[in-house]
Amino acid sequence: MIAIIDYDAGNTRSVMNLLNRLGVPFELTDDVNTIQISDKVILPGVGHAAAAMDRLKEKELIEPILNISQPFLGICVGMQLMYSFSEEGDTTCLGILPEKVKAFKPSPRYKVPHMGWNINELINQDEYLFTGVDHAETYFVHSYYAEISPDAIATCDYETKFASAVKKNNFYGVQFHPEKSGKVGELIMKNFLSL
């Protein structure tokens, strides 16, 4: 069973729809015991980093998340919360990754938010999350980006290069939305679910 962490962030419905399409049992939950005994854990999210961290604190989910030993996937804001700090609301985050999340700077050529399809450049061609993905074009919606770190497994370019997918031990994160990325997104989610 897959636990989708319920912390009042947007976009959980889209992730649930994808798992339904894939025929995968899941539960939307903020119950620590349910999260701990699940096979996999997903932290989706569209919203503000500071508000998201506040909700995780209120629900006493920070320590349980940091102690997860099964495969974990942070999506969009869920990935950004894995970092040490976000400029969005000057927020201290989970600290799974030491780098920071920064704001995109708008320019005549690059509007903020970064919204739409973009190509992921794989740093490690053998990375399991992207197995079978020939053309890693995925759908993004975000105004903040994660710095590239040694844990980045893919990058994307939107005036500046940023980490579009990361992995540290059992913790995975994707800045894009697999649930909105068509067949490529489905395949990436299937790869995660088969870890």
N, C-alpha and C. Protein backbone atom coordinates (compact mmCIF):
# COMPACT_ATOMS: atom_id res chain seq x y z
N MET A 1 0.83 -1.19 0.00
CA MET A 1 0.00 0.00 0.00
C MET A 1 0.88 1.25 0.00
N ILE A 2 0.44 2.25 -0.78
CA ILE A 2 1.17 3.51 -0.88
C ILE A 2 0.51 4.53 0.04
N ALA A 3 1.32 5.22 0.84
CA ALA A 3 0.80 6.30 1.67
C ALA A 3 1.08 7.62 0.97
N ILE A 4 0.01 8.39 0.71
CA ILE A 4 0.15 9.76 0.23
C ILE A 4 -0.05 10.65 1.44
N ILE A 5 0.98 11.42 1.77
CA ILE A 5 0.91 12.23 2.99
C ILE A 5 -0.09 13.37 2.80
N ASP A 6 -1.05 13.43 3.71
CA ASP A 6 -2.11 14.43 3.67
C ASP A 6 -1.71 15.59 4.58
N TYR A 7 -1.28 16.69 3.97
CA TYR A 7 -0.92 17.87 4.77
C TYR A 7 -1.53 19.13 4.17
N ASP A 8 -2.69 18.93 3.53
CA ASP A 8 -3.50 20.03 3.00
C ASP A 8 -2.81 20.80 1.88
N ALA A 9 -1.89 20.15 1.18
CA ALA A 9 -1.26 20.78 0.02
C ALA A 9 -2.11 20.50 -1.21
N GLY A 10 -1.97 21.34 -2.22
CA GLY A 10 -2.70 21.13 -3.46
C GLY A 10 -2.15 19.96 -4.25
N ASN A 11 -2.95 19.49 -5.19
CA ASN A 11 -2.54 18.52 -6.19
C ASN A 11 -2.52 17.07 -5.73
N THR A 12 -2.99 16.78 -4.53
CA THR A 12 -3.04 15.36 -4.13
C THR A 12 -4.02 14.60 -5.03
N ARG A 13 -5.10 15.24 -5.47
CA ARG A 13 -6.10 14.55 -6.29
C ARG A 13 -5.50 14.03 -7.59
N SER A 14 -4.63 14.82 -8.23
CA SER A 14 -4.01 14.37 -9.49
C SER A 14 -3.14 13.14 -9.27
N VAL A 15 -2.40 13.12 -8.16
CA VAL A 15 -1.56 11.96 -7.84
C VAL A 15 -2.45 10.74 -7.56
N MET A 16 -3.53 10.95 -6.84
CA MET A 16 -4.46 9.85 -6.57
C MET A 16 -5.05 9.31 -7.87
N ASN A 17 -5.40 10.20 -8.79
CA ASN A 17 -5.94 9.77 -10.09
C ASN A 17 -4.93 8.92 -10.86
N LEU A 18 -3.65 9.32 -10.82
CA LEU A 18 -2.62 8.54 -11.50
C LEU A 18 -2.50 7.16 -10.89
N LEU A 19 -2.47 7.07 -9.57
CA LEU A 19 -2.36 5.77 -8.92
C LEU A 19 -3.59 4.91 -9.21
N ASN A 20 -4.76 5.53 -9.28
CA ASN A 20 -5.97 4.79 -9.67
C ASN A 20 -5.84 4.23 -11.07
N ARG A 21 -5.32 5.05 -12.01
CA ARG A 21 -5.13 4.58 -13.39
C ARG A 21 -4.16 3.40 -13.45
N LEU A 22 -3.15 3.45 -12.57
CA LEU A 22 -2.16 2.37 -12.55
C LEU A 22 -2.64 1.16 -11.75
N GLY A 23 -3.81 1.26 -11.11
CA GLY A 23 -4.36 0.15 -10.34
C GLY A 23 -3.59 -0.14 -9.06
N VAL A 24 -3.04 0.92 -8.45
CA VAL A 24 -2.20 0.76 -7.25
C VAL A 24 -3.00 1.18 -6.02
N PRO A 25 -3.07 0.33 -4.98
CA PRO A 25 -3.78 0.73 -3.76
C PRO A 25 -3.00 1.80 -3.00
N PHE A 26 -3.73 2.78 -2.47
CA PHE A 26 -3.09 3.87 -1.74
C PHE A 26 -4.04 4.37 -0.67
N GLU A 27 -3.48 5.17 0.23
CA GLU A 27 -4.30 5.86 1.23
C GLU A 27 -3.77 7.27 1.42
N LEU A 28 -4.67 8.25 1.36
CA LEU A 28 -4.32 9.63 1.67
C LEU A 28 -4.42 9.75 3.19
N THR A 29 -3.30 10.02 3.86
CA THR A 29 -3.30 9.90 5.31
C THR A 29 -2.31 10.85 5.97
N ASP A 30 -2.63 11.23 7.20
CA ASP A 30 -1.66 11.93 8.05
C ASP A 30 -1.39 11.11 9.31
N ASP A 31 -1.79 9.83 9.27
CA ASP A 31 -1.60 8.94 10.41
C ASP A 31 -0.17 8.37 10.38
N VAL A 32 0.58 8.63 11.43
CA VAL A 32 2.00 8.24 11.47
C VAL A 32 2.16 6.73 11.31
N ASN A 33 1.34 5.95 11.99
CA ASN A 33 1.46 4.49 11.91
C ASN A 33 1.21 3.98 10.49
N THR A 34 0.19 4.53 9.83
CA THR A 34 -0.11 4.13 8.45
C THR A 34 1.07 4.46 7.54
N ILE A 35 1.65 5.64 7.73
CA ILE A 35 2.81 6.04 6.92
C ILE A 35 3.98 5.09 7.17
N GLN A 36 4.21 4.75 8.43
CA GLN A 36 5.36 3.91 8.78
C GLN A 36 5.26 2.50 8.21
N ILE A 37 4.04 1.94 8.12
CA ILE A 37 3.90 0.55 7.67
C ILE A 37 3.63 0.44 6.17
N SER A 38 3.55 1.59 5.47
CA SER A 38 3.28 1.55 4.03
C SER A 38 4.51 1.04 3.28
N ASP A 39 4.27 0.58 2.04
CA ASP A 39 5.38 0.11 1.20
C ASP A 39 6.18 1.27 0.62
N LYS A 40 5.48 2.34 0.26
CA LYS A 40 6.11 3.54 -0.32
C LYS A 40 5.38 4.75 0.25
N VAL A 41 6.05 5.90 0.20
CA VAL A 41 5.46 7.14 0.71
C VAL A 41 5.63 8.22 -0.36
N ILE A 42 4.54 8.97 -0.61
CA ILE A 42 4.58 10.07 -1.58
C ILE A 42 4.18 11.36 -0.86
N LEU A 43 5.00 12.41 -1.07
CA LEU A 43 4.69 13.74 -0.54
C LEU A 43 4.48 14.66 -1.74
N PRO A 44 3.22 14.77 -2.21
CA PRO A 44 2.97 15.65 -3.35
C PRO A 44 2.79 17.08 -2.87
N GLY A 45 2.60 18.00 -3.80
CA GLY A 45 2.30 19.33 -3.32
C GLY A 45 2.38 20.41 -4.36
N VAL A 46 1.41 21.30 -4.31
CA VAL A 46 1.45 22.57 -5.00
C VAL A 46 1.06 23.58 -3.94
N GLY A 47 1.88 24.58 -3.74
CA GLY A 47 1.56 25.55 -2.70
C GLY A 47 2.80 26.26 -2.21
N HIS A 48 2.70 26.87 -1.06
CA HIS A 48 3.75 27.71 -0.50
C HIS A 48 4.58 26.89 0.49
N ALA A 49 5.91 26.97 0.37
CA ALA A 49 6.80 26.15 1.20
C ALA A 49 6.59 26.41 2.69
N ALA A 50 6.47 27.67 3.08
CA ALA A 50 6.31 27.99 4.51
C ALA A 50 5.02 27.41 5.06
N ALA A 51 3.93 27.56 4.32
CA ALA A 51 2.65 27.01 4.76
C ALA A 51 2.71 25.48 4.83
N ALA A 52 3.39 24.87 3.85
CA ALA A 52 3.52 23.41 3.84
C ALA A 52 4.30 22.92 5.05
N MET A 53 5.41 23.58 5.38
CA MET A 53 6.18 23.18 6.55
C MET A 53 5.38 23.40 7.83
N ASP A 54 4.62 24.47 7.89
CA ASP A 54 3.77 24.71 9.07
C ASP A 54 2.78 23.57 9.27
N ARG A 55 2.18 23.11 8.17
CA ARG A 55 1.20 22.03 8.28
C ARG A 55 1.87 20.72 8.70
N LEU A 56 3.06 20.45 8.17
CA LEU A 56 3.78 19.23 8.59
C LEU A 56 4.11 19.29 10.09
N LYS A 57 4.49 20.48 10.57
CA LYS A 57 4.77 20.65 12.01
C LYS A 57 3.51 20.44 12.84
N GLU A 58 2.41 21.08 12.42
CA GLU A 58 1.15 20.96 13.15
C GLU A 58 0.69 19.51 13.24
N LYS A 59 0.91 18.77 12.17
CA LYS A 59 0.47 17.37 12.14
C LYS A 59 1.52 16.42 12.72
N GLU A 60 2.62 16.98 13.23
CA GLU A 60 3.71 16.21 13.85
C GLU A 60 4.24 15.12 12.90
N LEU A 61 4.49 15.56 11.66
CA LEU A 61 4.93 14.61 10.62
C LEU A 61 6.41 14.76 10.25
N ILE A 62 7.09 15.77 10.80
CA ILE A 62 8.47 16.00 10.37
C ILE A 62 9.38 14.84 10.78
N GLU A 63 9.39 14.48 12.04
CA GLU A 63 10.24 13.37 12.49
C GLU A 63 9.89 12.06 11.79
N PRO A 64 8.59 11.70 11.69
CA PRO A 64 8.26 10.48 10.96
C PRO A 64 8.76 10.47 9.52
N ILE A 65 8.69 11.63 8.84
CA ILE A 65 9.21 11.69 7.46
C ILE A 65 10.72 11.46 7.45
N LEU A 66 11.43 12.12 8.35
CA LEU A 66 12.89 11.98 8.38
C LEU A 66 13.33 10.57 8.72
N ASN A 67 12.47 9.81 9.38
CA ASN A 67 12.81 8.44 9.78
C ASN A 67 12.28 7.38 8.82
N ILE A 68 11.71 7.81 7.70
CA ILE A 68 11.19 6.84 6.72
C ILE A 68 12.34 6.01 6.15
N SER A 69 12.15 4.71 6.10
CA SER A 69 13.19 3.83 5.54
C SER A 69 12.76 3.23 4.20
N GLN A 70 11.49 3.29 3.89
CA GLN A 70 11.00 2.77 2.61
C GLN A 70 11.15 3.85 1.53
N PRO A 71 11.00 3.49 0.25
CA PRO A 71 11.12 4.50 -0.80
C PRO A 71 10.13 5.65 -0.62
N PHE A 72 10.65 6.86 -0.77
CA PHE A 72 9.90 8.10 -0.56
C PHE A 72 10.03 8.94 -1.82
N LEU A 73 8.92 9.55 -2.25
CA LEU A 73 8.96 10.42 -3.43
C LEU A 73 8.32 11.76 -3.11
N GLY A 74 9.11 12.84 -3.19
CA GLY A 74 8.59 14.20 -3.06
C GLY A 74 8.34 14.76 -4.45
N ILE A 75 7.15 15.34 -4.65
CA ILE A 75 6.76 15.88 -5.96
C ILE A 75 6.56 17.39 -5.84
N CYS A 76 7.22 18.15 -6.71
CA CYS A 76 7.11 19.62 -6.78
C CYS A 76 7.48 20.24 -5.44
N VAL A 77 6.54 20.87 -4.73
CA VAL A 77 6.87 21.42 -3.42
C VAL A 77 7.34 20.31 -2.48
N GLY A 78 6.80 19.11 -2.67
CA GLY A 78 7.24 17.96 -1.87
C GLY A 78 8.73 17.69 -2.03
N MET A 79 9.28 17.89 -3.23
CA MET A 79 10.72 17.77 -3.43
C MET A 79 11.44 18.96 -2.80
N GLN A 80 10.92 20.18 -2.99
CA GLN A 80 11.59 21.36 -2.44
C GLN A 80 11.70 21.30 -0.92
N LEU A 81 10.71 20.70 -0.28
CA LEU A 81 10.74 20.58 1.19
C LEU A 81 11.84 19.65 1.66
N MET A 82 12.39 18.83 0.76
CA MET A 82 13.49 17.93 1.13
C MET A 82 14.79 18.70 1.36
N TYR A 83 14.86 19.93 0.89
CA TYR A 83 16.10 20.72 1.01
C TYR A 83 16.21 21.38 2.38
N SER A 84 17.34 22.03 2.62
CA SER A 84 17.57 22.64 3.94
C SER A 84 16.80 23.93 4.13
N PHE A 85 16.60 24.68 3.03
CA PHE A 85 16.04 26.02 3.14
C PHE A 85 15.40 26.42 1.83
N SER A 86 14.29 27.14 1.90
CA SER A 86 13.65 27.70 0.71
C SER A 86 13.52 29.21 0.86
N GLU A 87 13.84 29.93 -0.21
CA GLU A 87 13.62 31.37 -0.22
C GLU A 87 12.13 31.72 -0.19
N GLU A 88 11.28 30.77 -0.47
CA GLU A 88 9.84 31.01 -0.43
C GLU A 88 9.41 31.11 1.03
N GLY A 89 9.23 32.33 1.49
CA GLY A 89 8.88 32.55 2.89
C GLY A 89 10.04 32.39 3.84
N ASP A 90 11.28 32.40 3.32
CA ASP A 90 12.49 32.20 4.16
C ASP A 90 12.27 31.03 5.12
N THR A 91 12.10 29.86 4.52
CA THR A 91 11.62 28.69 5.25
C THR A 91 12.72 27.66 5.49
N THR A 92 12.88 27.26 6.75
CA THR A 92 13.71 26.10 7.06
C THR A 92 12.90 24.86 6.72
N CYS A 93 13.50 23.99 5.90
CA CYS A 93 12.78 22.81 5.42
C CYS A 93 13.29 21.54 6.13
N LEU A 94 13.10 20.39 5.50
CA LEU A 94 13.38 19.11 6.16
C LEU A 94 14.87 18.82 6.30
N GLY A 95 15.70 19.35 5.41
CA GLY A 95 17.14 19.17 5.54
C GLY A 95 17.66 17.81 5.12
N ILE A 96 16.89 17.08 4.33
CA ILE A 96 17.38 15.80 3.79
C ILE A 96 18.53 16.06 2.83
N LEU A 97 18.43 17.15 2.08
CA LEU A 97 19.49 17.61 1.17
C LEU A 97 19.98 18.96 1.70
N PRO A 98 21.30 19.20 1.67
CA PRO A 98 21.84 20.41 2.30
C PRO A 98 21.68 21.69 1.49
N GLU A 99 21.40 21.58 0.20
CA GLU A 99 21.35 22.78 -0.64
C GLU A 99 20.05 23.57 -0.39
N LYS A 100 19.90 24.66 -1.17
CA LYS A 100 18.77 25.57 -0.98
C LYS A 100 17.86 25.60 -2.20
N VAL A 101 16.65 26.09 -1.96
CA VAL A 101 15.67 26.34 -3.01
C VAL A 101 15.60 27.86 -3.19
N LYS A 102 15.74 28.30 -4.46
CA LYS A 102 15.83 29.74 -4.74
C LYS A 102 14.71 30.17 -5.69
N ALA A 103 14.47 31.46 -5.70
CA ALA A 103 13.42 32.03 -6.57
C ALA A 103 13.97 32.24 -7.98
N PHE A 104 13.17 31.88 -8.99
CA PHE A 104 13.50 32.26 -10.36
C PHE A 104 13.41 33.78 -10.47
N LYS A 105 14.32 34.35 -11.26
CA LYS A 105 14.27 35.79 -11.54
C LYS A 105 13.62 35.99 -12.90
N PRO A 106 12.50 36.72 -12.96
CA PRO A 106 11.85 36.92 -14.26
C PRO A 106 12.74 37.74 -15.20
N SER A 107 12.60 37.47 -16.48
CA SER A 107 13.34 38.22 -17.49
C SER A 107 12.46 38.31 -18.73
N PRO A 108 12.85 39.13 -19.72
CA PRO A 108 12.02 39.24 -20.93
C PRO A 108 11.79 37.89 -21.63
N ARG A 109 12.77 37.00 -21.55
CA ARG A 109 12.65 35.71 -22.25
C ARG A 109 12.06 34.61 -21.37
N TYR A 110 12.15 34.76 -20.06
CA TYR A 110 11.74 33.68 -19.15
C TYR A 110 10.73 34.22 -18.14
N LYS A 111 9.50 33.78 -18.30
CA LYS A 111 8.45 34.21 -17.37
C LYS A 111 8.45 33.32 -16.14
N VAL A 112 7.97 33.87 -15.06
CA VAL A 112 7.82 33.12 -13.82
C VAL A 112 6.32 33.13 -13.48
N PRO A 113 5.73 31.96 -13.21
CA PRO A 113 6.38 30.67 -12.98
C PRO A 113 6.85 29.99 -14.26
N HIS A 114 7.79 29.07 -14.09
CA HIS A 114 8.18 28.14 -15.15
C HIS A 114 7.02 27.17 -15.29
N MET A 115 6.30 27.28 -16.39
CA MET A 115 5.09 26.48 -16.55
C MET A 115 5.07 25.86 -17.94
N GLY A 116 4.93 24.55 -17.98
CA GLY A 116 4.84 23.85 -19.25
C GLY A 116 5.85 22.71 -19.35
N TRP A 117 6.03 22.23 -20.56
CA TRP A 117 6.88 21.07 -20.82
C TRP A 117 8.34 21.50 -20.96
N ASN A 118 9.24 20.69 -20.40
CA ASN A 118 10.67 20.95 -20.53
C ASN A 118 11.40 19.61 -20.45
N ILE A 119 12.62 19.62 -20.93
CA ILE A 119 13.39 18.36 -21.04
C ILE A 119 14.33 18.20 -19.85
N ASN A 120 14.31 17.01 -19.28
CA ASN A 120 15.24 16.65 -18.21
C ASN A 120 16.50 16.07 -18.82
N GLU A 121 17.64 16.58 -18.39
CA GLU A 121 18.93 16.04 -18.82
C GLU A 121 19.40 15.07 -17.75
N LEU A 122 19.53 13.81 -18.08
CA LEU A 122 19.93 12.82 -17.09
C LEU A 122 21.41 12.94 -16.80
N ILE A 123 21.76 13.03 -15.53
CA ILE A 123 23.16 13.05 -15.12
C ILE A 123 23.69 11.63 -15.07
N ASN A 124 22.85 10.72 -14.62
CA ASN A 124 23.23 9.31 -14.51
C ASN A 124 22.30 8.50 -15.40
N GLN A 125 22.80 8.04 -16.53
CA GLN A 125 21.98 7.32 -17.49
C GLN A 125 21.43 6.00 -16.92
N ASP A 126 22.08 5.50 -15.87
CA ASP A 126 21.63 4.24 -15.28
C ASP A 126 20.63 4.43 -14.14
N GLU A 127 20.22 5.66 -13.89
CA GLU A 127 19.32 5.91 -12.77
C GLU A 127 17.98 5.23 -12.99
N TYR A 128 17.59 4.41 -12.03
CA TYR A 128 16.43 3.53 -12.18
C TYR A 128 15.13 4.30 -12.40
N LEU A 129 14.98 5.45 -11.78
CA LEU A 129 13.73 6.21 -11.89
C LEU A 129 13.38 6.52 -13.35
N PHE A 130 14.41 6.66 -14.20
CA PHE A 130 14.19 7.02 -15.60
C PHE A 130 14.37 5.82 -16.54
N THR A 131 14.36 4.62 -16.02
CA THR A 131 14.50 3.42 -16.85
C THR A 131 13.40 3.38 -17.90
N GLY A 132 13.80 3.17 -19.16
CA GLY A 132 12.83 3.07 -20.24
C GLY A 132 12.31 4.39 -20.75
N VAL A 133 12.78 5.50 -20.18
CA VAL A 133 12.35 6.84 -20.62
C VAL A 133 13.34 7.32 -21.67
N ASP A 134 12.90 7.34 -22.93
CA ASP A 134 13.79 7.74 -24.02
C ASP A 134 13.89 9.25 -24.14
N HIS A 135 12.77 9.91 -23.99
CA HIS A 135 12.73 11.37 -24.17
C HIS A 135 12.08 11.94 -22.92
N ALA A 136 12.90 12.38 -21.98
CA ALA A 136 12.41 12.73 -20.64
C ALA A 136 11.84 14.14 -20.59
N GLU A 137 10.79 14.38 -21.37
CA GLU A 137 10.10 15.67 -21.35
C GLU A 137 8.93 15.56 -20.38
N THR A 138 8.89 16.47 -19.41
CA THR A 138 7.87 16.40 -18.37
C THR A 138 7.27 17.78 -18.13
N TYR A 139 6.20 17.80 -17.34
CA TYR A 139 5.44 19.04 -17.14
C TYR A 139 5.80 19.70 -15.81
N PHE A 140 6.13 20.98 -15.87
CA PHE A 140 6.56 21.75 -14.71
C PHE A 140 5.59 22.90 -14.42
N VAL A 141 5.42 23.21 -13.13
CA VAL A 141 4.76 24.44 -12.69
C VAL A 141 5.44 24.85 -11.39
N HIS A 142 6.34 25.84 -11.45
CA HIS A 142 7.02 26.26 -10.22
C HIS A 142 7.69 27.61 -10.40
N SER A 143 7.76 28.36 -9.30
CA SER A 143 8.40 29.68 -9.28
C SER A 143 9.73 29.64 -8.55
N TYR A 144 10.03 28.51 -7.89
CA TYR A 144 11.27 28.32 -7.14
C TYR A 144 11.95 27.07 -7.66
N TYR A 145 13.27 27.03 -7.56
CA TYR A 145 14.01 25.90 -8.11
C TYR A 145 15.07 25.43 -7.09
N ALA A 146 15.41 24.16 -7.19
CA ALA A 146 16.41 23.57 -6.30
C ALA A 146 17.79 23.66 -6.94
N GLU A 147 18.75 24.06 -6.12
CA GLU A 147 20.14 24.08 -6.58
C GLU A 147 20.59 22.67 -6.98
N ILE A 148 21.49 22.63 -7.96
CA ILE A 148 22.05 21.34 -8.37
C ILE A 148 23.03 20.88 -7.29
N SER A 149 22.90 19.63 -6.92
CA SER A 149 23.73 19.07 -5.86
C SER A 149 24.30 17.74 -6.32
N PRO A 150 25.21 17.14 -5.55
CA PRO A 150 25.71 15.81 -5.91
C PRO A 150 24.61 14.75 -5.93
N ASP A 151 23.46 15.06 -5.31
CA ASP A 151 22.36 14.10 -5.28
C ASP A 151 21.41 14.26 -6.46
N ALA A 152 21.66 15.25 -7.33
CA ALA A 152 20.80 15.43 -8.51
C ALA A 152 21.00 14.27 -9.47
N ILE A 153 19.89 13.73 -9.98
CA ILE A 153 19.98 12.68 -11.00
C ILE A 153 19.53 13.19 -12.36
N ALA A 154 18.90 14.37 -12.37
CA ALA A 154 18.53 15.02 -13.64
C ALA A 154 18.48 16.53 -13.40
N THR A 155 18.76 17.26 -14.48
CA THR A 155 18.67 18.72 -14.42
C THR A 155 17.77 19.22 -15.53
N CYS A 156 17.37 20.45 -15.41
CA CYS A 156 16.56 21.10 -16.43
C CYS A 156 17.08 22.52 -16.57
N ASP A 157 16.83 23.13 -17.72
CA ASP A 157 17.34 24.47 -17.97
C ASP A 157 16.17 25.42 -18.21
N TYR A 158 16.08 26.45 -17.37
CA TYR A 158 15.10 27.51 -17.58
C TYR A 158 15.80 28.81 -17.19
N GLU A 159 16.57 29.32 -18.10
CA GLU A 159 17.53 30.43 -17.92
C GLU A 159 18.67 30.01 -17.01
N THR A 160 18.37 29.32 -15.93
CA THR A 160 19.40 28.75 -15.07
C THR A 160 19.16 27.25 -14.98
N LYS A 161 20.22 26.49 -14.80
CA LYS A 161 20.05 25.03 -14.62
C LYS A 161 19.65 24.75 -13.19
N PHE A 162 18.76 23.81 -13.02
CA PHE A 162 18.31 23.44 -11.68
C PHE A 162 18.12 21.93 -11.61
N ALA A 163 18.04 21.42 -10.40
CA ALA A 163 17.82 19.99 -10.20
C ALA A 163 16.35 19.68 -10.47
N SER A 164 16.10 18.81 -11.43
CA SER A 164 14.71 18.42 -11.71
C SER A 164 14.36 17.07 -11.10
N ALA A 165 15.38 16.30 -10.70
CA ALA A 165 15.14 15.03 -9.98
C ALA A 165 16.36 14.76 -9.11
N VAL A 166 16.10 14.26 -7.92
CA VAL A 166 17.17 13.99 -6.96
C VAL A 166 16.96 12.64 -6.30
N LYS A 167 18.04 12.12 -5.75
CA LYS A 167 17.96 10.87 -4.98
C LYS A 167 19.02 10.90 -3.90
N LYS A 168 18.60 10.66 -2.67
CA LYS A 168 19.54 10.47 -1.56
C LYS A 168 19.04 9.31 -0.74
N ASN A 169 19.80 8.22 -0.79
CA ASN A 169 19.41 6.98 -0.12
C ASN A 169 18.03 6.55 -0.62
N ASN A 170 17.05 6.44 0.27
CA ASN A 170 15.70 6.01 -0.14
C ASN A 170 14.79 7.19 -0.50
N PHE A 171 15.33 8.41 -0.45
CA PHE A 171 14.54 9.61 -0.72
C PHE A 171 14.73 10.07 -2.17
N TYR A 172 13.64 10.10 -2.91
CA TYR A 172 13.62 10.60 -4.28
C TYR A 172 12.79 11.87 -4.34
N GLY A 173 13.13 12.75 -5.27
CA GLY A 173 12.32 13.94 -5.47
C GLY A 173 12.30 14.30 -6.94
N VAL A 174 11.14 14.79 -7.40
CA VAL A 174 11.02 15.29 -8.78
C VAL A 174 10.35 16.65 -8.73
N GLN A 175 10.93 17.63 -9.42
CA GLN A 175 10.36 18.97 -9.47
C GLN A 175 9.14 18.99 -10.38
N PHE A 176 9.14 18.17 -11.40
CA PHE A 176 8.02 18.11 -12.34
C PHE A 176 6.87 17.30 -11.75
N HIS A 177 5.77 17.31 -12.48
CA HIS A 177 4.58 16.57 -12.05
C HIS A 177 4.43 15.30 -12.89
N PRO A 178 4.81 14.13 -12.36
CA PRO A 178 4.64 12.91 -13.15
C PRO A 178 3.17 12.66 -13.49
N GLU A 179 2.28 13.09 -12.60
CA GLU A 179 0.85 12.85 -12.80
C GLU A 179 0.27 13.71 -13.92
N LYS A 180 1.05 14.71 -14.39
CA LYS A 180 0.60 15.56 -15.50
C LYS A 180 1.51 15.43 -16.71
N SER A 181 2.38 14.42 -16.69
CA SER A 181 3.41 14.28 -17.73
C SER A 181 3.16 13.11 -18.66
N GLY A 182 1.90 12.74 -18.85
CA GLY A 182 1.54 11.72 -19.83
C GLY A 182 2.21 10.39 -19.58
N LYS A 183 2.55 9.71 -20.68
CA LYS A 183 3.12 8.35 -20.60
C LYS A 183 4.48 8.36 -19.91
N VAL A 184 5.27 9.42 -20.14
CA VAL A 184 6.59 9.52 -19.49
C VAL A 184 6.40 9.58 -17.97
N GLY A 185 5.48 10.41 -17.52
CA GLY A 185 5.22 10.52 -16.09
C GLY A 185 4.72 9.21 -15.50
N GLU A 186 3.85 8.53 -16.22
CA GLU A 186 3.35 7.23 -15.76
C GLU A 186 4.50 6.24 -15.60
N LEU A 187 5.41 6.23 -16.57
CA LEU A 187 6.53 5.30 -16.51
C LEU A 187 7.45 5.62 -15.33
N ILE A 188 7.72 6.91 -15.11
CA ILE A 188 8.56 7.30 -13.97
C ILE A 188 7.89 6.88 -12.66
N MET A 189 6.57 7.07 -12.55
CA MET A 189 5.86 6.65 -11.34
C MET A 189 5.90 5.12 -11.20
N LYS A 190 5.72 4.41 -12.29
CA LYS A 190 5.80 2.94 -12.23
C LYS A 190 7.18 2.49 -11.75
N ASN A 191 8.22 3.16 -12.26
CA ASN A 191 9.58 2.82 -11.82
C ASN A 191 9.73 3.04 -10.32
N PHE A 192 9.21 4.16 -9.82
CA PHE A 192 9.27 4.40 -8.38
C PHE A 192 8.51 3.33 -7.61
N LEU A 193 7.33 3.00 -8.09
CA LEU A 193 6.49 2.03 -7.38
C LEU A 193 7.10 0.63 -7.38
N SER A 194 7.99 0.36 -8.33
CA SER A 194 8.59 -0.98 -8.40
C SER A 194 9.92 -1.06 -7.64
N LEU A 195 10.32 0.03 -7.00
CA LEU A 195 11.57 0.00 -6.22
C LEU A 195 11.46 -1.04 -5.09
